[in-house]
N, C-alpha and C. Protein backbone atom coordinates (compact mmCIF):
# COMPACT_ATOMS: atom_id res chain seq x y z
N MET A 1 0.41 -1.28 0.21
CA MET A 1 0.20 0.10 -0.08
C MET A 1 0.64 1.18 -0.04
N LEU A 2 2.05 1.72 0.76
CA LEU A 2 2.93 2.31 0.52
C LEU A 2 3.29 2.87 -0.87
N THR A 3 3.50 1.64 -1.93
CA THR A 3 4.29 2.37 -2.81
C THR A 3 2.69 2.28 -3.97
N ASP A 4 1.33 2.31 -3.91
CA ASP A 4 1.21 1.77 -4.48
C ASP A 4 0.25 3.29 -4.86
N PRO A 5 0.00 3.85 -5.70
CA PRO A 5 -0.72 5.12 -5.68
C PRO A 5 -2.06 5.26 -5.86
N GLU A 6 -2.45 3.76 -5.92
CA GLU A 6 -4.00 4.06 -5.97
C GLU A 6 -4.42 4.15 -4.09
N TYR A 7 -3.07 4.26 -3.42
CA TYR A 7 -3.81 4.06 -1.65
C TYR A 7 -2.69 5.65 -1.01
N THR A 8 -3.66 7.08 -1.16
CA THR A 8 -3.62 8.47 -0.69
C THR A 8 -3.36 8.21 0.72
N VAL A 9 -2.89 9.19 1.31
CA VAL A 9 -2.53 9.97 2.37
C VAL A 9 -4.21 10.52 2.15
N PRO A 10 -4.59 10.75 3.51
CA PRO A 10 -6.09 10.62 4.45
C PRO A 10 -5.94 12.25 3.90
N PRO A 11 -6.68 13.10 3.20
CA PRO A 11 -6.78 14.93 2.99
C PRO A 11 -7.05 15.10 4.43
N VAL A 12 -6.30 16.75 4.54
CA VAL A 12 -6.53 17.49 5.63
C VAL A 12 -6.92 18.46 4.81
N PRO A 13 -8.30 19.70 5.65
CA PRO A 13 -8.67 20.38 5.03
C PRO A 13 -7.73 21.93 4.83
N ASP A 14 -8.37 22.54 4.25
CA ASP A 14 -7.11 23.44 4.40
C ASP A 14 -7.07 24.55 5.53
N ALA A 15 -6.72 25.28 5.63
CA ALA A 15 -6.45 26.57 6.86
C ALA A 15 -5.81 27.31 6.68
N VAL A 16 -6.08 28.47 7.33
CA VAL A 16 -4.85 29.67 7.53
C VAL A 16 -4.19 29.86 8.50
N ASP A 17 -4.22 29.36 9.66
CA ASP A 17 -3.33 29.57 11.13
C ASP A 17 -3.48 28.23 11.86
N GLY A 18 -2.58 28.20 12.68
CA GLY A 18 -2.87 27.06 13.73
C GLY A 18 -2.08 25.73 13.36
N VAL A 19 -2.82 24.77 13.76
CA VAL A 19 -2.21 23.21 13.87
C VAL A 19 -2.75 23.44 12.15
N ALA A 20 -3.77 23.23 12.46
CA ALA A 20 -4.78 22.70 11.36
C ALA A 20 -3.54 22.98 10.02
N TRP A 21 -3.15 24.63 10.06
CA TRP A 21 -3.26 25.35 9.10
C TRP A 21 -1.50 24.56 8.65
N LEU A 22 -0.83 23.66 9.60
CA LEU A 22 0.22 22.87 9.60
C LEU A 22 0.07 21.78 9.17
N ARG A 23 -0.73 20.88 9.18
CA ARG A 23 -1.26 20.12 8.64
C ARG A 23 -1.51 20.56 7.07
N ALA A 24 -2.32 21.14 6.69
CA ALA A 24 -2.37 21.58 5.15
C ALA A 24 -1.45 22.31 4.60
N SER A 25 -0.36 22.51 5.77
CA SER A 25 0.76 23.07 4.76
C SER A 25 2.28 22.14 4.55
N VAL A 26 2.08 20.90 5.03
CA VAL A 26 3.04 20.02 4.79
C VAL A 26 3.29 19.24 4.17
N ALA A 27 4.04 18.61 3.68
CA ALA A 27 4.29 17.65 2.83
C ALA A 27 3.55 16.11 3.24
N ARG A 28 3.76 15.44 4.41
CA ARG A 28 3.50 14.77 5.09
C ARG A 28 1.66 14.34 5.19
N PHE A 29 1.21 15.49 4.75
CA PHE A 29 -0.43 15.25 4.34
C PHE A 29 -1.09 16.21 2.86
N SER A 30 -0.14 15.79 2.45
CA SER A 30 -0.64 16.08 0.92
C SER A 30 -0.11 15.08 0.09
N GLU A 31 -0.53 15.18 -0.77
CA GLU A 31 -0.66 14.17 -2.42
C GLU A 31 -0.22 15.07 -3.84
N GLY A 32 -0.05 14.43 -4.85
CA GLY A 32 0.44 15.20 -5.94
C GLY A 32 1.37 16.22 -5.90
N VAL A 33 0.80 17.40 -7.00
CA VAL A 33 1.87 18.33 -7.11
C VAL A 33 2.03 19.45 -5.78
N PRO A 34 0.58 19.49 -4.68
CA PRO A 34 1.73 20.08 -3.49
C PRO A 34 2.75 19.35 -2.46
N HIS A 35 2.37 18.04 -2.90
CA HIS A 35 3.23 17.34 -2.12
C HIS A 35 4.76 17.09 -2.86
N ARG A 36 5.06 17.12 -4.27
CA ARG A 36 6.42 17.08 -4.65
C ARG A 36 6.98 18.49 -3.98
N ARG A 37 6.21 19.84 -4.41
CA ARG A 37 6.80 21.10 -4.12
C ARG A 37 7.44 21.26 -2.51
N ARG A 38 6.12 20.36 -1.86
CA ARG A 38 6.56 20.36 -0.18
C ARG A 38 7.56 19.87 -0.14
N ARG A 39 8.13 18.49 -0.13
CA ARG A 39 8.59 17.29 0.30
C ARG A 39 10.19 18.29 -1.06
N ALA A 40 10.25 19.10 -1.54
CA ALA A 40 11.15 19.92 -3.02
C ALA A 40 12.17 20.43 -0.85
N VAL A 41 10.99 21.00 -0.43
CA VAL A 41 11.69 22.32 0.62
C VAL A 41 12.28 20.90 1.58
N VAL A 42 11.65 20.40 1.64
CA VAL A 42 12.25 19.27 2.59
C VAL A 42 13.71 19.45 2.36
N GLU A 43 13.08 18.09 1.57
CA GLU A 43 14.72 17.38 0.66
C GLU A 43 15.55 19.03 1.36
N ALA A 44 15.69 20.45 0.69
CA ALA A 44 16.66 21.39 0.57
C ALA A 44 17.13 21.57 1.85
N GLU A 45 16.27 21.37 2.86
CA GLU A 45 16.46 21.90 4.06
C GLU A 45 17.46 20.85 4.45
N LEU A 46 17.17 19.63 4.48
CA LEU A 46 17.98 18.32 4.87
C LEU A 46 19.37 18.65 4.15
N ALA A 47 19.42 19.08 2.24
CA ALA A 47 20.22 18.77 2.19
C ALA A 47 21.67 19.74 2.49
N ALA A 48 21.23 20.89 2.70
CA ALA A 48 21.78 21.51 4.02
C ALA A 48 22.80 21.21 4.91
N VAL A 49 22.21 19.74 5.48
CA VAL A 49 22.37 19.46 6.69
C VAL A 49 23.10 18.37 6.69
N ASP A 50 24.94 18.31 6.94
CA ASP A 50 25.80 17.11 6.72
C ASP A 50 25.09 15.78 7.64
N PRO A 51 24.65 14.77 7.59
CA PRO A 51 24.78 13.88 8.42
C PRO A 51 25.62 12.81 9.23
N GLY A 52 26.85 13.59 8.90
CA GLY A 52 28.10 12.98 9.78
C GLY A 52 28.32 14.19 11.17
N ALA A 53 27.79 15.22 10.35
CA ALA A 53 28.49 16.42 10.84
C ALA A 53 26.66 16.79 12.33
N LEU A 54 25.62 15.97 11.85
CA LEU A 54 24.86 16.13 12.75
C LEU A 54 25.08 14.78 13.92
N ARG A 55 25.60 13.90 13.43
CA ARG A 55 26.03 12.62 14.40
C ARG A 55 26.61 13.89 15.55
N ASP A 56 27.85 14.29 15.40
CA ASP A 56 28.66 14.82 15.59
C ASP A 56 28.05 15.67 16.70
N LEU A 57 26.90 16.74 15.92
CA LEU A 57 26.68 17.55 16.83
C LEU A 57 25.33 17.25 18.03
N ALA A 58 24.93 15.74 17.51
CA ALA A 58 24.36 15.18 18.48
C ALA A 58 25.20 14.84 19.68
N ALA A 59 26.46 13.80 19.73
CA ALA A 59 27.47 13.60 20.28
C ALA A 59 27.80 14.74 21.97
N ARG A 60 27.94 15.56 20.97
CA ARG A 60 28.64 17.11 21.43
C ARG A 60 27.57 17.73 22.38
N ARG A 61 25.86 17.80 21.82
CA ARG A 61 24.79 18.93 23.01
C ARG A 61 24.58 17.58 23.58
N ARG A 62 24.04 16.48 23.45
CA ARG A 62 23.74 15.64 24.64
C ARG A 62 22.37 16.24 24.95
N SER A 63 21.57 16.27 24.28
CA SER A 63 20.43 17.37 24.32
C SER A 63 19.52 16.38 23.51
N GLY A 64 17.70 16.58 23.70
CA GLY A 64 17.27 16.02 23.03
C GLY A 64 17.40 16.19 21.12
N PRO A 65 16.58 15.42 20.54
CA PRO A 65 16.80 15.50 18.85
C PRO A 65 16.12 16.77 18.16
N VAL A 66 14.97 17.23 18.51
CA VAL A 66 14.29 18.47 18.30
C VAL A 66 15.48 19.76 18.52
N GLU A 67 16.44 19.70 19.94
CA GLU A 67 17.06 21.13 19.56
C GLU A 67 18.59 20.23 18.97
N VAL A 68 19.13 19.35 19.18
CA VAL A 68 19.57 19.24 17.68
C VAL A 68 19.38 19.14 16.16
N LEU A 69 18.60 19.18 15.58
CA LEU A 69 18.22 19.13 14.39
C LEU A 69 17.70 21.00 14.02
N ALA A 70 17.18 21.15 15.62
CA ALA A 70 16.76 22.96 15.20
C ALA A 70 18.56 23.23 15.22
N GLU A 71 19.06 23.29 16.05
CA GLU A 71 20.50 24.17 15.55
C GLU A 71 21.26 23.78 14.35
N ALA A 72 21.21 22.59 14.17
CA ALA A 72 21.92 21.95 13.00
C ALA A 72 21.19 23.36 11.21
N LEU A 73 19.49 23.05 11.97
CA LEU A 73 18.97 24.08 10.98
C LEU A 73 19.02 25.72 10.84
N GLY A 74 19.70 26.07 11.50
CA GLY A 74 19.96 27.50 12.49
C GLY A 74 18.79 27.90 13.00
N LEU A 75 17.81 27.26 13.53
CA LEU A 75 16.81 27.38 13.93
C LEU A 75 16.59 27.57 15.55
N SER A 76 16.26 28.68 15.97
CA SER A 76 16.29 28.98 17.19
C SER A 76 14.58 28.74 18.13
N VAL A 77 14.36 27.45 18.33
CA VAL A 77 12.42 27.05 18.89
C VAL A 77 13.22 26.59 20.07
N ALA A 78 11.57 26.62 21.22
CA ALA A 78 11.60 26.12 21.80
C ALA A 78 11.88 24.70 21.82
N ALA A 79 12.39 23.23 22.38
CA ALA A 79 11.54 21.77 22.14
C ALA A 79 10.25 21.82 22.73
N GLU A 80 10.33 22.35 23.70
CA GLU A 80 8.92 22.46 23.98
C GLU A 80 7.46 22.44 23.25
N ASP A 81 7.96 23.66 22.58
CA ASP A 81 6.81 24.07 21.83
C ASP A 81 6.67 22.93 21.23
N VAL A 82 7.63 22.75 19.96
CA VAL A 82 7.66 21.66 19.33
C VAL A 82 6.62 19.79 20.25
N GLU A 83 7.25 19.99 20.89
CA GLU A 83 7.08 18.81 21.93
C GLU A 83 5.20 19.04 21.73
N VAL A 84 4.29 20.06 22.31
CA VAL A 84 3.03 20.33 22.52
C VAL A 84 2.72 20.18 20.53
N VAL A 85 3.30 20.88 20.09
CA VAL A 85 2.27 20.75 18.89
C VAL A 85 2.78 19.55 18.01
N ALA A 86 3.61 18.60 18.53
CA ALA A 86 3.61 16.86 18.05
C ALA A 86 2.27 16.55 18.22
N ARG A 87 1.31 16.91 19.78
CA ARG A 87 0.61 15.56 19.98
C ARG A 87 -0.26 15.79 19.66
N SER A 88 -0.20 17.35 18.58
CA SER A 88 -2.06 17.61 18.25
C SER A 88 -1.75 17.61 16.29
N TYR A 89 -0.07 16.81 16.09
CA TYR A 89 0.20 16.95 14.57
C TYR A 89 -0.88 16.02 13.71
N GLN A 90 -0.48 15.05 13.98
CA GLN A 90 -1.27 13.87 13.24
C GLN A 90 -2.97 14.17 13.22
N PRO A 91 -3.39 14.18 11.84
CA PRO A 91 -5.17 14.34 11.71
C PRO A 91 -5.89 13.87 12.69
N HIS A 92 -5.28 12.66 13.16
CA HIS A 92 -6.78 11.92 13.91
C HIS A 92 -6.78 12.43 15.27
N THR A 93 -5.89 13.27 15.68
CA THR A 93 -5.67 13.91 16.93
C THR A 93 -6.55 15.79 17.05
N ALA A 94 -6.82 15.49 18.23
CA ALA A 94 -7.48 16.64 18.72
C ALA A 94 -6.47 17.59 18.89
N ILE A 95 -7.00 18.93 18.21
CA ILE A 95 -6.39 20.05 18.19
C ILE A 95 -6.15 21.09 19.57
N THR A 96 -4.97 21.30 20.63
CA THR A 96 -5.35 21.66 21.92
C THR A 96 -5.19 23.37 21.77
N ASP A 97 -5.84 24.22 22.49
CA ASP A 97 -5.25 25.58 22.52
C ASP A 97 -4.12 25.91 22.57
N GLU A 98 -3.29 25.28 23.12
CA GLU A 98 -1.60 25.00 23.89
C GLU A 98 -1.52 24.80 22.64
N ALA A 99 -1.69 23.82 21.68
CA ALA A 99 -1.22 23.24 20.65
C ALA A 99 -0.96 24.85 19.24
N ASP A 100 -1.78 25.45 19.67
CA ASP A 100 -2.67 26.43 18.51
C ASP A 100 -1.33 27.22 19.17
N GLU A 101 -1.06 28.36 19.90
CA GLU A 101 -0.26 28.70 20.70
C GLU A 101 1.20 28.43 20.68
N ALA A 102 1.64 27.27 21.02
CA ALA A 102 3.14 27.01 20.53
C ALA A 102 3.56 26.87 18.86
N LEU A 103 2.41 26.56 17.95
CA LEU A 103 2.78 26.61 17.00
C LEU A 103 2.61 28.14 16.38
N ALA A 104 2.08 28.96 17.11
CA ALA A 104 1.90 30.33 16.71
C ALA A 104 3.68 30.70 17.13
N ARG A 105 4.16 30.86 18.16
CA ARG A 105 6.00 30.63 18.69
C ARG A 105 6.36 30.53 17.42
N LEU A 106 6.43 28.78 17.01
CA LEU A 106 6.90 28.92 16.32
C LEU A 106 7.35 29.26 15.08
N VAL A 107 6.13 29.34 14.32
CA VAL A 107 5.72 30.12 13.30
C VAL A 107 6.32 31.88 13.46
N ALA A 108 6.65 32.52 14.51
CA ALA A 108 7.72 33.35 14.71
C ALA A 108 9.32 33.25 14.66
N ALA A 109 9.56 32.22 15.33
CA ALA A 109 10.44 32.17 14.99
C ALA A 109 11.44 31.52 13.77
N CYS A 110 10.50 30.71 12.98
CA CYS A 110 10.92 30.20 12.21
C CYS A 110 10.32 30.98 11.05
N GLY A 111 9.65 31.91 10.64
CA GLY A 111 9.45 32.36 9.25
C GLY A 111 8.39 32.86 9.40
N ALA A 112 7.35 32.97 8.47
CA ALA A 112 5.58 33.77 8.10
C ALA A 112 4.89 32.49 8.03
N TYR A 113 3.44 31.78 7.93
CA TYR A 113 2.67 31.75 7.59
C TYR A 113 2.96 31.13 5.87
N ASP A 114 3.64 30.43 5.69
CA ASP A 114 4.01 29.42 4.30
C ASP A 114 5.10 28.76 4.07
N GLU A 115 4.64 27.82 3.28
CA GLU A 115 5.23 26.74 3.10
C GLU A 115 6.39 26.05 3.26
N VAL A 116 7.47 27.08 3.38
CA VAL A 116 8.81 27.18 4.16
C VAL A 116 8.94 26.73 5.03
N THR A 117 8.27 27.64 5.74
CA THR A 117 7.80 27.65 7.57
C THR A 117 7.35 26.37 7.71
N ALA A 118 6.36 25.84 7.19
CA ALA A 118 5.18 24.67 7.70
C ALA A 118 6.14 23.14 7.39
N ASN A 119 6.70 23.57 6.91
CA ASN A 119 7.69 22.24 6.87
C ASN A 119 8.97 22.33 7.09
N ARG A 120 9.59 23.51 7.68
CA ARG A 120 10.62 23.58 8.85
C ARG A 120 10.31 22.50 9.53
N ILE A 121 9.14 23.49 10.25
CA ILE A 121 8.06 23.23 11.44
C ILE A 121 7.84 21.35 11.63
N GLY A 122 7.51 21.03 10.51
CA GLY A 122 7.33 19.53 10.16
C GLY A 122 8.37 19.03 10.29
N LEU A 123 9.24 19.35 9.82
CA LEU A 123 11.06 18.20 10.06
C LEU A 123 10.86 18.58 11.35
N LEU A 124 10.73 19.46 12.45
CA LEU A 124 11.18 19.24 13.60
C LEU A 124 10.42 18.74 14.23
N VAL A 125 8.93 18.57 13.99
CA VAL A 125 7.76 17.93 14.80
C VAL A 125 8.06 15.90 14.42
N GLN A 126 8.12 15.89 12.95
CA GLN A 126 8.46 14.08 12.98
C GLN A 126 9.59 13.95 13.30
N ALA A 127 10.95 14.75 13.73
CA ALA A 127 11.50 14.35 14.54
C ALA A 127 11.49 13.78 16.13
N CYS A 128 10.52 15.10 16.32
CA CYS A 128 10.51 14.78 17.94
C CYS A 128 10.21 13.46 18.71
N ALA A 129 8.83 12.55 18.36
CA ALA A 129 9.08 11.32 19.14
C ALA A 129 9.39 10.44 17.80
N ALA A 130 9.55 10.41 16.63
CA ALA A 130 10.10 9.75 16.02
C ALA A 130 11.39 8.77 16.67
N THR A 131 12.29 10.50 16.41
CA THR A 131 13.74 10.42 16.54
C THR A 131 14.11 9.99 18.45
N ALA A 132 13.32 10.29 19.10
CA ALA A 132 13.40 10.00 20.82
C ALA A 132 13.60 8.60 20.46
N ALA A 133 12.35 7.42 19.75
CA ALA A 133 12.27 6.91 19.47
C ALA A 133 13.17 5.46 19.26
N LEU A 134 13.96 6.28 18.50
CA LEU A 134 15.21 5.41 17.61
C LEU A 134 16.04 5.44 18.95
N VAL A 135 16.09 6.52 19.28
CA VAL A 135 17.55 6.91 20.60
C VAL A 135 16.76 6.15 21.95
N ALA A 136 15.79 5.46 22.24
CA ALA A 136 15.35 5.02 23.02
C ALA A 136 15.01 3.10 22.34
N GLY A 137 15.14 2.99 20.94
CA GLY A 137 15.26 1.66 20.81
C GLY A 137 13.88 1.22 20.60
N VAL A 138 12.82 1.87 20.71
CA VAL A 138 11.41 1.33 20.40
C VAL A 138 11.52 1.19 18.86
N HIS A 139 11.66 0.12 18.18
CA HIS A 139 10.81 -0.38 16.55
C HIS A 139 9.73 -0.99 16.95
N PRO A 140 9.43 -0.31 15.66
CA PRO A 140 9.56 1.23 14.56
C PRO A 140 9.12 2.79 15.28
N PRO A 141 9.71 3.03 15.19
CA PRO A 141 9.69 4.48 16.12
C PRO A 141 7.75 5.43 15.68
N VAL A 142 7.84 4.98 14.62
CA VAL A 142 6.25 5.30 14.12
C VAL A 142 5.54 3.70 13.43
N PRO A 143 5.23 3.11 14.36
CA PRO A 143 4.20 2.14 14.24
C PRO A 143 3.38 1.86 13.29
N THR A 144 2.76 2.93 12.36
CA THR A 144 1.62 2.86 11.42
C THR A 144 1.45 3.94 10.83
N THR A 145 0.67 4.73 9.63
CA THR A 145 0.79 4.97 8.94
C THR A 145 -0.89 4.79 8.71
N ARG A 146 -1.04 5.58 7.85
CA ARG A 146 -2.62 5.76 7.34
C ARG A 146 -2.97 5.92 5.79
N ARG A 147 -3.56 5.14 5.43
CA ARG A 147 -4.08 5.82 3.68
C ARG A 147 -5.44 5.70 3.07
N VAL A 148 -5.38 5.92 2.37
CA VAL A 148 -7.12 5.51 2.10
C VAL A 148 -7.34 4.94 0.48
N ALA A 149 -7.87 4.15 1.05
CA ALA A 149 -7.83 3.13 0.12
C ALA A 149 -8.56 3.26 -1.77
N PRO A 150 -8.52 2.74 -2.38
CA PRO A 150 -9.44 2.73 -3.55
C PRO A 150 -11.01 2.44 -3.65
N ASP A 151 -11.28 2.12 -2.15
CA ASP A 151 -12.96 2.10 -2.56
C ASP A 151 -13.29 3.11 -0.94
N GLY A 152 -12.58 4.18 -0.82
CA GLY A 152 -12.19 5.21 0.53
C GLY A 152 -12.42 5.24 1.56
N ALA A 153 -11.58 3.51 2.53
CA ALA A 153 -11.64 3.28 3.49
C ALA A 153 -10.26 3.37 3.82
N VAL A 154 -10.55 3.95 5.47
CA VAL A 154 -9.51 4.75 5.61
C VAL A 154 -8.45 3.57 6.40
N VAL A 155 -7.03 3.11 6.11
CA VAL A 155 -6.71 1.92 6.54
C VAL A 155 -5.26 2.13 7.57
N GLU A 156 -5.28 1.33 8.50
CA GLU A 156 -3.80 1.75 8.87
C GLU A 156 -2.62 0.94 7.96
N VAL A 157 -1.55 1.25 8.01
CA VAL A 157 -0.47 0.51 7.20
C VAL A 157 0.39 0.14 8.44
N ASP A 158 1.00 -1.05 8.80
CA ASP A 158 1.97 -1.24 9.49
C ASP A 158 3.14 -1.34 9.37
N LEU A 159 4.68 -0.67 10.15
CA LEU A 159 5.28 0.05 9.45
C LEU A 159 6.78 -0.53 10.18
N THR A 160 6.00 -1.88 10.90
CA THR A 160 6.89 -2.54 11.40
C THR A 160 8.64 -3.13 10.67
N ASP A 161 8.59 -3.46 9.01
CA ASP A 161 9.05 -4.06 8.04
C ASP A 161 9.69 -2.60 7.53
N HIS A 162 9.41 -1.70 7.44
CA HIS A 162 9.22 -0.14 6.94
C HIS A 162 9.46 0.77 7.62
N PRO A 163 10.54 1.35 8.92
CA PRO A 163 9.92 1.93 10.41
C PRO A 163 9.77 3.07 9.33
N PHE A 164 10.49 3.51 8.30
CA PHE A 164 10.62 5.23 7.74
C PHE A 164 10.11 5.40 6.25
N GLY A 165 8.69 4.30 6.14
CA GLY A 165 7.99 3.94 5.19
C GLY A 165 8.98 3.64 3.56
N LEU A 166 7.66 4.12 2.65
CA LEU A 166 8.37 3.49 1.24
C LEU A 166 7.58 4.81 0.43
N GLY A 167 7.70 4.65 -0.76
CA GLY A 167 7.45 5.58 -1.68
C GLY A 167 7.28 6.64 -1.63
N ALA A 168 6.31 7.33 -2.66
CA ALA A 168 6.37 8.85 -2.48
C ALA A 168 6.69 9.76 -1.12
N HIS A 169 5.92 9.34 -0.10
CA HIS A 169 5.79 9.20 1.00
C HIS A 169 6.48 8.77 1.97
N ALA A 170 8.15 8.55 1.33
CA ALA A 170 9.02 7.16 2.37
C ALA A 170 9.82 8.96 3.48
N CYS A 171 9.86 8.33 4.71
CA CYS A 171 10.30 9.85 4.95
C CYS A 171 11.89 10.43 4.64
N PRO A 172 12.21 11.27 3.92
CA PRO A 172 13.44 11.96 3.69
C PRO A 172 14.42 11.97 5.05
N GLY A 173 14.35 12.62 5.90
CA GLY A 173 15.17 12.37 6.58
C GLY A 173 15.45 10.83 7.57
N GLU A 174 15.72 10.53 6.60
CA GLU A 174 15.56 8.44 7.26
C GLU A 174 17.42 8.84 7.98
N ARG A 175 18.33 9.58 7.24
CA ARG A 175 19.99 9.78 7.24
C ARG A 175 20.40 10.36 8.61
N HIS A 176 19.36 11.36 8.69
CA HIS A 176 19.25 12.46 9.30
C HIS A 176 18.92 11.91 10.50
N ALA A 177 17.68 11.22 10.67
CA ALA A 177 17.07 10.31 11.88
C ALA A 177 18.02 9.49 12.85
N LEU A 178 19.00 8.91 12.26
CA LEU A 178 20.01 7.62 12.43
C LEU A 178 20.83 8.32 13.27
N ALA A 179 21.24 9.56 12.10
CA ALA A 179 22.69 9.83 12.67
C ALA A 179 22.55 11.11 14.18
N ILE A 180 20.93 11.62 14.04
CA ILE A 180 20.61 12.00 15.49
C ILE A 180 21.05 10.91 16.73
N ALA A 181 20.39 9.92 16.31
CA ALA A 181 19.82 9.11 17.31
C ALA A 181 21.54 8.11 17.83
N GLU A 182 22.09 8.37 16.86
CA GLU A 182 23.34 7.95 17.01
C GLU A 182 24.60 8.50 17.88
N GLY A 183 24.29 9.69 17.67
CA GLY A 183 25.24 10.94 18.29
C GLY A 183 24.55 11.64 19.75
N LEU A 184 23.28 10.57 19.75
CA LEU A 184 22.60 10.70 21.25
C LEU A 184 23.06 9.79 21.96
N VAL A 185 23.45 8.43 21.49
CA VAL A 185 23.69 7.47 22.00
C VAL A 185 24.78 7.14 21.94
N ARG A 186 26.16 7.90 21.55
CA ARG A 186 27.22 7.53 21.53
C ARG A 186 27.52 7.53 22.68
């Protein structure tokens, strides 16, 4: 299902601010041309960060994955804000007022309400729990993902054998996540 284009990412509604805006603006929850454009932003951000240097930074900093990745990306954000947003990030979770407030602070620290900022924040959010799970030795760090089947049913896809996904929505930050985890456990 991860490589079959007939199984798509569940759509999220458009929004102008808050976590709903983040969901609607990141590569993770989009398809087609918007997904390719947004993924290119993510890939460009990651291309500017050498995984070896990231591993060394993680080993020196001895802080969490969000702090390490934010520093490597040249962003000054509060990891606590990223953690709060991460709890409301998935479309099947409730968005709290606390998450919307934390997101507003992240947008202010990272740019503006645009796709570049959304995808920078998305990188930090995706690195939050998943990379911490890698450090803790939890496999897979993200146990499932969702897809919409050709008949319209939403199905959960087990990621045990493919913890970074496959296909068009495979995690573009796999090398970076592994480097951070390696550096933090070193």
